[in-house]
Full PDB file with SEQRES, HELIX, SHEET, SSBOND, CRYST1, ORIGX, SCALE, CONECT and MASTER records, all heavy atoms in Angstrom:
SEQRES   1 A   33  THR GLY LEU LEU LEU ALA VAL ALA ALA ALA ASP ILE ARG          
SEQRES   2 A   33  TYR ALA GLN GLU VAL GLY GLN TYR SER MET MET VAL CYS          
SEQRES   3 A   33  LEU LEU THR PHE SER LEU LEU                                  
HELIX    1 AA1 GLY A    2  VAL A    7  1                                   6    
HELIX    2 AA2 ALA A    9  ALA A   15  1                                   7    
HELIX    3 AA3 TYR A   21  LEU A   32  1                                  12    
CRYST1    1.000    1.000    1.000  90.00  90.00  90.00 P 1           1          
ORIGX1      1.000000  0.000000  0.000000        0.00000                         
ORIGX2      0.000000  1.000000  0.000000        0.00000                         
ORIGX3      0.000000  0.000000  1.000000        0.00000                         
SCALE1      1.000000  0.000000  0.000000        0.00000                         
SCALE2      0.000000  1.000000  0.000000        0.00000                         
SCALE3      0.000000  0.000000  1.000000        0.00000                         
ATOM      1  N   THR A   1      70.224  48.169 127.497  1.00  0.00           N  
ATOM      2  CA  THR A   1      71.419  47.836 126.714  1.00  0.00           C  
ATOM      3  C   THR A   1      71.256  46.509 125.998  1.00  0.00           C  
ATOM      4  O   THR A   1      71.541  46.381 124.802  1.00  0.00           O  
ATOM      5  CB  THR A   1      72.654  47.774 127.633  1.00  0.00           C  
ATOM      6  OG1 THR A   1      72.743  48.951 128.409  1.00  0.00           O  
ATOM      7  CG2 THR A   1      73.925  47.614 126.811  1.00  0.00           C  
ATOM      8  N   GLY A   2      70.794  45.498 126.758  1.00  0.00           N  
ATOM      9  CA  GLY A   2      70.599  44.181 126.161  1.00  0.00           C  
ATOM     10  C   GLY A   2      69.582  44.192 125.046  1.00  0.00           C  
ATOM     11  O   GLY A   2      69.773  43.544 124.003  1.00  0.00           O  
ATOM     12  N   LEU A   3      68.509  44.943 125.229  1.00  0.00           N  
ATOM     13  CA  LEU A   3      67.460  45.033 124.213  1.00  0.00           C  
ATOM     14  C   LEU A   3      67.980  45.707 122.951  1.00  0.00           C  
ATOM     15  O   LEU A   3      67.708  45.258 121.828  1.00  0.00           O  
ATOM     16  CB  LEU A   3      66.262  45.787 124.768  1.00  0.00           C  
ATOM     17  CG  LEU A   3      65.026  45.890 123.863  1.00  0.00           C  
ATOM     18  CD1 LEU A   3      64.502  44.501 123.509  1.00  0.00           C  
ATOM     19  CD2 LEU A   3      63.940  46.713 124.541  1.00  0.00           C  
ATOM     20  N   LEU A   4      68.746  46.772 123.113  1.00  0.00           N  
ATOM     21  CA  LEU A   4      69.296  47.484 121.952  1.00  0.00           C  
ATOM     22  C   LEU A   4      70.235  46.586 121.152  1.00  0.00           C  
ATOM     23  O   LEU A   4      70.178  46.551 119.918  1.00  0.00           O  
ATOM     24  CB  LEU A   4      70.044  48.737 122.412  1.00  0.00           C  
ATOM     25  CG  LEU A   4      69.175  49.896 122.920  1.00  0.00           C  
ATOM     26  CD1 LEU A   4      70.033  50.951 123.602  1.00  0.00           C  
ATOM     27  CD2 LEU A   4      68.385  50.522 121.770  1.00  0.00           C  
ATOM     28  N   LEU A   5      71.102  45.855 121.840  1.00  0.00           N  
ATOM     29  CA  LEU A   5      72.021  44.974 121.122  1.00  0.00           C  
ATOM     30  C   LEU A   5      71.273  43.784 120.527  1.00  0.00           C  
ATOM     31  O   LEU A   5      71.630  43.298 119.448  1.00  0.00           O  
ATOM     32  CB  LEU A   5      73.127  44.474 122.054  1.00  0.00           C  
ATOM     33  CG  LEU A   5      74.225  43.656 121.366  1.00  0.00           C  
ATOM     34  CD1 LEU A   5      74.959  44.491 120.328  1.00  0.00           C  
ATOM     35  CD2 LEU A   5      75.209  43.087 122.383  1.00  0.00           C  
ATOM     36  N   ALA A   6      70.233  43.325 121.204  1.00  0.00           N  
ATOM     37  CA  ALA A   6      69.478  42.171 120.707  1.00  0.00           C  
ATOM     38  C   ALA A   6      68.884  42.434 119.332  1.00  0.00           C  
ATOM     39  O   ALA A   6      68.804  41.527 118.497  1.00  0.00           O  
ATOM     40  CB  ALA A   6      68.373  41.798 121.704  1.00  0.00           C  
ATOM     41  N   VAL A   7      68.472  43.674 119.076  1.00  0.00           N  
ATOM     42  CA  VAL A   7      67.817  43.989 117.802  1.00  0.00           C  
ATOM     43  C   VAL A   7      68.742  44.704 116.826  1.00  0.00           C  
ATOM     44  O   VAL A   7      68.343  44.977 115.693  1.00  0.00           O  
ATOM     45  CB  VAL A   7      66.560  44.850 118.029  1.00  0.00           C  
ATOM     46  CG1 VAL A   7      65.587  44.160 118.973  1.00  0.00           C  
ATOM     47  CG2 VAL A   7      66.925  46.232 118.575  1.00  0.00           C  
ATOM     48  N   ALA A   8      69.969  45.015 117.234  1.00  0.00           N  
ATOM     49  CA  ALA A   8      70.879  45.783 116.387  1.00  0.00           C  
ATOM     50  C   ALA A   8      71.194  45.021 115.099  1.00  0.00           C  
ATOM     51  O   ALA A   8      71.657  43.881 115.133  1.00  0.00           O  
ATOM     52  CB  ALA A   8      72.163  46.093 117.144  1.00  0.00           C  
ATOM     53  N   ALA A   9      70.973  45.675 113.969  1.00  0.00           N  
ATOM     54  CA  ALA A   9      71.130  45.003 112.681  1.00  0.00           C  
ATOM     55  C   ALA A   9      72.561  44.540 112.441  1.00  0.00           C  
ATOM     56  O   ALA A   9      72.795  43.468 111.877  1.00  0.00           O  
ATOM     57  CB  ALA A   9      70.690  45.950 111.555  1.00  0.00           C  
ATOM     58  N   ALA A  10      73.554  45.349 112.852  1.00  0.00           N  
ATOM     59  CA  ALA A  10      74.948  44.962 112.618  1.00  0.00           C  
ATOM     60  C   ALA A  10      75.312  43.721 113.417  1.00  0.00           C  
ATOM     61  O   ALA A  10      75.970  42.812 112.901  1.00  0.00           O  
ATOM     62  CB  ALA A  10      75.883  46.116 112.972  1.00  0.00           C  
ATOM     63  N   ASP A  11      74.896  43.676 114.666  1.00  0.00           N  
ATOM     64  CA  ASP A  11      75.234  42.507 115.486  1.00  0.00           C  
ATOM     65  C   ASP A  11      74.527  41.263 114.966  1.00  0.00           C  
ATOM     66  O   ASP A  11      75.094  40.165 114.964  1.00  0.00           O  
ATOM     67  CB  ASP A  11      74.860  42.758 116.949  1.00  0.00           C  
ATOM     68  CG  ASP A  11      75.582  41.802 117.883  1.00  0.00           C  
ATOM     69  OD1 ASP A  11      76.769  42.042 118.163  1.00  0.00           O  
ATOM     70  OD2 ASP A  11      74.978  40.803 118.308  1.00  0.00           O  
ATOM     71  N   ILE A  12      73.288  41.410 114.507  1.00  0.00           N  
ATOM     72  CA  ILE A  12      72.565  40.273 113.938  1.00  0.00           C  
ATOM     73  C   ILE A  12      73.253  39.794 112.669  1.00  0.00           C  
ATOM     74  O   ILE A  12      73.422  38.589 112.442  1.00  0.00           O  
ATOM     75  CB  ILE A  12      71.099  40.661 113.645  1.00  0.00           C  
ATOM     76  CG1 ILE A  12      70.355  40.926 114.949  1.00  0.00           C  
ATOM     77  CG2 ILE A  12      70.400  39.559 112.847  1.00  0.00           C  
ATOM     78  CD1 ILE A  12      68.960  41.474 114.762  1.00  0.00           C  
ATOM     79  N   ARG A  13      73.663  40.741 111.837  1.00  0.00           N  
ATOM     80  CA  ARG A  13      74.311  40.370 110.582  1.00  0.00           C  
ATOM     81  C   ARG A  13      75.571  39.547 110.841  1.00  0.00           C  
ATOM     82  O   ARG A  13      75.796  38.506 110.223  1.00  0.00           O  
ATOM     83  CB  ARG A  13      74.646  41.633 109.793  1.00  0.00           C  
ATOM     84  CG  ARG A  13      75.168  41.392 108.349  1.00  0.00           C  
ATOM     85  CD  ARG A  13      76.590  41.063 108.296  1.00  0.00           C  
ATOM     86  NE  ARG A  13      77.173  40.644 107.077  1.00  0.00           N  
ATOM     87  CZ  ARG A  13      77.514  41.413 106.049  1.00  0.00           C  
ATOM     88  NH1 ARG A  13      77.182  42.668 106.027  1.00  0.00           N  
ATOM     89  NH2 ARG A  13      78.189  40.915 105.040  1.00  0.00           N  
ATOM     90  N   TYR A  14      76.422  39.999 111.779  1.00  0.00           N  
ATOM     91  CA  TYR A  14      77.681  39.290 112.013  1.00  0.00           C  
ATOM     92  C   TYR A  14      77.510  38.082 112.922  1.00  0.00           C  
ATOM     93  O   TYR A  14      78.423  37.258 113.019  1.00  0.00           O  
ATOM     94  CB  TYR A  14      78.736  40.263 112.524  1.00  0.00           C  
ATOM     95  CG  TYR A  14      79.157  41.196 111.416  1.00  0.00           C  
ATOM     96  CD1 TYR A  14      78.649  42.487 111.329  1.00  0.00           C  
ATOM     97  CD2 TYR A  14      80.004  40.759 110.408  1.00  0.00           C  
ATOM     98  CE1 TYR A  14      78.992  43.323 110.280  1.00  0.00           C  
ATOM     99  CE2 TYR A  14      80.352  41.590 109.347  1.00  0.00           C  
ATOM    100  CZ  TYR A  14      79.844  42.867 109.291  1.00  0.00           C  
ATOM    101  OH  TYR A  14      80.168  43.686 108.240  1.00  0.00           O  
ATOM    102  N   ALA A  15      76.347  37.969 113.555  1.00  0.00           N  
ATOM    103  CA  ALA A  15      76.015  36.719 114.245  1.00  0.00           C  
ATOM    104  C   ALA A  15      75.667  35.625 113.249  1.00  0.00           C  
ATOM    105  O   ALA A  15      75.683  34.436 113.586  1.00  0.00           O  
ATOM    106  CB  ALA A  15      74.844  36.937 115.202  1.00  0.00           C  
ATOM    107  N   GLN A  16      75.359  36.011 112.018  1.00  0.00           N  
ATOM    108  CA  GLN A  16      74.988  35.062 110.963  1.00  0.00           C  
ATOM    109  C   GLN A  16      76.061  34.984 109.887  1.00  0.00           C  
ATOM    110  O   GLN A  16      75.764  34.653 108.749  1.00  0.00           O  
ATOM    111  CB  GLN A  16      73.657  35.485 110.346  1.00  0.00           C  
ATOM    112  CG  GLN A  16      72.501  35.468 111.323  1.00  0.00           C  
ATOM    113  CD  GLN A  16      71.178  35.785 110.661  1.00  0.00           C  
ATOM    114  OE1 GLN A  16      71.110  36.540 109.704  1.00  0.00           O  
ATOM    115  NE2 GLN A  16      70.113  35.198 111.165  1.00  0.00           N  
ATOM    116  N   GLU A  17      77.291  35.264 110.262  1.00  0.00           N  
ATOM    117  CA  GLU A  17      78.377  35.260 109.286  1.00  0.00           C  
ATOM    118  C   GLU A  17      79.606  34.582 109.875  1.00  0.00           C  
ATOM    119  O   GLU A  17      79.972  34.825 111.029  1.00  0.00           O  
ATOM    120  CB  GLU A  17      78.722  36.687 108.868  1.00  0.00           C  
ATOM    121  CG  GLU A  17      79.831  36.761 107.835  1.00  0.00           C  
ATOM    122  CD  GLU A  17      79.986  38.150 107.247  1.00  0.00           C  
ATOM    123  OE1 GLU A  17      78.974  38.671 106.725  1.00  0.00           O  
ATOM    124  OE2 GLU A  17      81.086  38.710 107.320  1.00  0.00           O  
ATOM    125  N   VAL A  18      80.250  33.744 109.071  1.00  0.00           N  
ATOM    126  CA  VAL A  18      81.493  33.113 109.483  1.00  0.00           C  
ATOM    127  C   VAL A  18      82.568  34.192 109.552  1.00  0.00           C  
ATOM    128  O   VAL A  18      82.813  34.896 108.575  1.00  0.00           O  
ATOM    129  CB  VAL A  18      81.912  32.014 108.490  1.00  0.00           C  
ATOM    130  CG1 VAL A  18      83.214  31.352 108.947  1.00  0.00           C  
ATOM    131  CG2 VAL A  18      80.813  30.979 108.338  1.00  0.00           C  
ATOM    132  N   GLY A  19      83.193  34.344 110.695  1.00  0.00           N  
ATOM    133  CA  GLY A  19      84.206  35.381 110.837  1.00  0.00           C  
ATOM    134  C   GLY A  19      84.396  35.751 112.285  1.00  0.00           C  
ATOM    135  O   GLY A  19      83.742  35.208 113.186  1.00  0.00           O  
ATOM    136  N   GLN A  20      85.274  36.726 112.529  1.00  0.00           N  
ATOM    137  CA  GLN A  20      85.707  37.031 113.883  1.00  0.00           C  
ATOM    138  C   GLN A  20      85.002  38.210 114.522  1.00  0.00           C  
ATOM    139  O   GLN A  20      85.234  38.503 115.691  1.00  0.00           O  
ATOM    140  CB  GLN A  20      87.215  37.310 113.881  1.00  0.00           C  
ATOM    141  CG  GLN A  20      87.621  38.638 113.268  1.00  0.00           C  
ATOM    142  CD  GLN A  20      87.803  38.552 111.769  1.00  0.00           C  
ATOM    143  OE1 GLN A  20      87.077  37.870 111.069  1.00  0.00           O  
ATOM    144  NE2 GLN A  20      88.800  39.254 111.267  1.00  0.00           N  
ATOM    145  N   TYR A  21      84.110  38.904 113.805  1.00  0.00           N  
ATOM    146  CA  TYR A  21      83.574  40.150 114.337  1.00  0.00           C  
ATOM    147  C   TYR A  21      82.623  39.937 115.512  1.00  0.00           C  
ATOM    148  O   TYR A  21      82.618  40.719 116.466  1.00  0.00           O  
ATOM    149  CB  TYR A  21      82.910  40.949 113.218  1.00  0.00           C  
ATOM    150  CG  TYR A  21      83.936  41.483 112.257  1.00  0.00           C  
ATOM    151  CD1 TYR A  21      84.222  40.815 111.070  1.00  0.00           C  
ATOM    152  CD2 TYR A  21      84.668  42.618 112.560  1.00  0.00           C  
ATOM    153  CE1 TYR A  21      85.199  41.285 110.202  1.00  0.00           C  
ATOM    154  CE2 TYR A  21      85.646  43.099 111.700  1.00  0.00           C  
ATOM    155  CZ  TYR A  21      85.909  42.418 110.527  1.00  0.00           C  
ATOM    156  OH  TYR A  21      86.890  42.874 109.680  1.00  0.00           O  
ATOM    157  N   SER A  22      81.834  38.896 115.460  1.00  0.00           N  
ATOM    158  CA  SER A  22      80.961  38.592 116.588  1.00  0.00           C  
ATOM    159  C   SER A  22      81.783  38.227 117.820  1.00  0.00           C  
ATOM    160  O   SER A  22      81.481  38.661 118.941  1.00  0.00           O  
ATOM    161  CB  SER A  22      80.017  37.446 116.214  1.00  0.00           C  
ATOM    162  OG  SER A  22      79.108  37.183 117.248  1.00  0.00           O  
ATOM    163  N   MET A  23      82.839  37.455 117.620  1.00  0.00           N  
ATOM    164  CA  MET A  23      83.722  37.092 118.729  1.00  0.00           C  
ATOM    165  C   MET A  23      84.435  38.324 119.270  1.00  0.00           C  
ATOM    166  O   MET A  23      84.624  38.466 120.478  1.00  0.00           O  
ATOM    167  CB  MET A  23      84.732  36.040 118.268  1.00  0.00           C  
ATOM    168  CG  MET A  23      85.732  35.630 119.344  1.00  0.00           C  
ATOM    169  SD  MET A  23      86.635  34.097 118.990  1.00  0.00           S  
ATOM    170  CE  MET A  23      87.334  34.458 117.377  1.00  0.00           C  
ATOM    171  N   MET A  24      84.833  39.237 118.397  1.00  0.00           N  
ATOM    172  CA  MET A  24      85.508  40.456 118.820  1.00  0.00           C  
ATOM    173  C   MET A  24      84.636  41.277 119.758  1.00  0.00           C  
ATOM    174  O   MET A  24      85.073  41.708 120.832  1.00  0.00           O  
ATOM    175  CB  MET A  24      85.890  41.291 117.603  1.00  0.00           C  
ATOM    176  CG  MET A  24      86.559  42.611 117.943  1.00  0.00           C  
ATOM    177  SD  MET A  24      86.832  43.679 116.503  1.00  0.00           S  
ATOM    178  CE  MET A  24      85.175  44.289 116.216  1.00  0.00           C  
ATOM    179  N   VAL A  25      83.370  41.502 119.375  1.00  0.00           N  
ATOM    180  CA  VAL A  25      82.462  42.284 120.212  1.00  0.00           C  
ATOM    181  C   VAL A  25      82.253  41.596 121.557  1.00  0.00           C  
ATOM    182  O   VAL A  25      82.238  42.244 122.617  1.00  0.00           O  
ATOM    183  CB  VAL A  25      81.115  42.493 119.495  1.00  0.00           C  
ATOM    184  CG1 VAL A  25      80.109  43.178 120.425  1.00  0.00           C  
ATOM    185  CG2 VAL A  25      81.308  43.330 118.233  1.00  0.00           C  
ATOM    186  N   CYS A  26      82.123  40.278 121.539  1.00  0.00           N  
ATOM    187  CA  CYS A  26      81.932  39.515 122.772  1.00  0.00           C  
ATOM    188  C   CYS A  26      83.126  39.670 123.708  1.00  0.00           C  
ATOM    189  O   CYS A  26      82.969  39.958 124.902  1.00  0.00           O  
ATOM    190  CB  CYS A  26      81.705  38.044 122.435  1.00  0.00           C  
ATOM    191  SG  CYS A  26      81.587  36.960 123.880  1.00  0.00           S  
ATOM    192  N   LEU A  27      84.327  39.505 123.188  1.00  0.00           N  
ATOM    193  CA  LEU A  27      85.529  39.588 124.015  1.00  0.00           C  
ATOM    194  C   LEU A  27      85.723  40.998 124.566  1.00  0.00           C  
ATOM    195  O   LEU A  27      86.121  41.171 125.732  1.00  0.00           O  
ATOM    196  CB  LEU A  27      86.744  39.157 123.208  1.00  0.00           C  
ATOM    197  CG  LEU A  27      86.794  37.674 122.835  1.00  0.00           C  
ATOM    198  CD1 LEU A  27      87.924  37.400 121.843  1.00  0.00           C  
ATOM    199  CD2 LEU A  27      86.972  36.808 124.081  1.00  0.00           C  
ATOM    200  N   LEU A  28      85.450  42.018 123.770  1.00  0.00           N  
ATOM    201  CA  LEU A  28      85.582  43.386 124.254  1.00  0.00           C  
ATOM    202  C   LEU A  28      84.562  43.681 125.355  1.00  0.00           C  
ATOM    203  O   LEU A  28      84.870  44.393 126.321  1.00  0.00           O  
ATOM    204  CB  LEU A  28      85.416  44.372 123.102  1.00  0.00           C  
ATOM    205  CG  LEU A  28      86.549  44.407 122.082  1.00  0.00           C  
ATOM    206  CD1 LEU A  28      86.266  45.426 120.992  1.00  0.00           C  
ATOM    207  CD2 LEU A  28      87.880  44.718 122.753  1.00  0.00           C  
ATOM    208  N   THR A  29      83.366  43.139 125.214  1.00  0.00           N  
ATOM    209  CA  THR A  29      82.344  43.325 126.247  1.00  0.00           C  
ATOM    210  C   THR A  29      82.797  42.752 127.577  1.00  0.00           C  
ATOM    211  O   THR A  29      82.708  43.406 128.629  1.00  0.00           O  
ATOM    212  CB  THR A  29      81.028  42.662 125.810  1.00  0.00           C  
ATOM    213  OG1 THR A  29      80.563  43.270 124.604  1.00  0.00           O  
ATOM    214  CG2 THR A  29      79.962  42.787 126.889  1.00  0.00           C  
ATOM    215  N   PHE A  30      83.323  41.528 127.542  1.00  0.00           N  
ATOM    216  CA  PHE A  30      83.737  40.895 128.795  1.00  0.00           C  
ATOM    217  C   PHE A  30      85.041  41.491 129.322  1.00  0.00           C  
ATOM    218  O   PHE A  30      85.253  41.533 130.546  1.00  0.00           O  
ATOM    219  CB  PHE A  30      83.846  39.387 128.618  1.00  0.00           C  
ATOM    220  CG  PHE A  30      82.522  38.701 128.698  1.00  0.00           C  
ATOM    221  CD1 PHE A  30      81.793  38.425 127.551  1.00  0.00           C  
ATOM    222  CD2 PHE A  30      81.974  38.362 129.919  1.00  0.00           C  
ATOM    223  CE1 PHE A  30      80.558  37.809 127.624  1.00  0.00           C  
ATOM    224  CE2 PHE A  30      80.740  37.751 130.009  1.00  0.00           C  
ATOM    225  CZ  PHE A  30      80.023  37.466 128.853  1.00  0.00           C  
ATOM    226  N   SER A  31      85.910  41.964 128.440  1.00  0.00           N  
ATOM    227  CA  SER A  31      87.126  42.623 128.941  1.00  0.00           C  
ATOM    228  C   SER A  31      86.758  43.873 129.731  1.00  0.00           C  
ATOM    229  O   SER A  31      87.355  44.165 130.778  1.00  0.00           O  
ATOM    230  CB  SER A  31      88.059  42.977 127.772  1.00  0.00           C  
ATOM    231  OG  SER A  31      87.590  44.100 127.043  1.00  0.00           O  
ATOM    232  N   LEU A  32      85.749  44.621 129.248  1.00  0.00           N  
ATOM    233  CA  LEU A  32      85.317  45.820 129.962  1.00  0.00           C  
ATOM    234  C   LEU A  32      84.618  45.452 131.276  1.00  0.00           C  
ATOM    235  O   LEU A  32      84.814  46.112 132.303  1.00  0.00           O  
ATOM    236  CB  LEU A  32      84.393  46.645 129.072  1.00  0.00           C  
ATOM    237  CG  LEU A  32      83.966  48.021 129.620  1.00  0.00           C  
ATOM    238  CD1 LEU A  32      85.193  48.881 129.904  1.00  0.00           C  
ATOM    239  CD2 LEU A  32      83.038  48.723 128.637  1.00  0.00           C  
ATOM    240  N   LEU A  33      83.823  44.392 131.248  1.00  0.00           N  
ATOM    241  CA  LEU A  33      83.148  43.946 132.475  1.00  0.00           C  
ATOM    242  C   LEU A  33      84.174  43.567 133.539  1.00  0.00           C  
ATOM    243  O   LEU A  33      84.070  43.971 134.700  1.00  0.00           O  
ATOM    244  CB  LEU A  33      82.238  42.754 132.163  1.00  0.00           C  
ATOM    245  CG  LEU A  33      81.546  42.091 133.369  1.00  0.00           C  
ATOM    246  CD1 LEU A  33      80.648  43.084 134.097  1.00  0.00           C  
ATOM    247  CD2 LEU A  33      80.752  40.873 132.919  1.00  0.00           C  
TER     248      LEU A  33                                                      
MASTER        0    0    0    3    0    0    0    6  247    1    0    3          
END                                                                             
């Protein structure tokens, strides 16, 4: 799972963009955990 997300183009793109989408994915991940 970690490897797939590490290389995922969408996650990389929004990790390099000012905005809330990277934070959204992070918060949803921890809410599920």
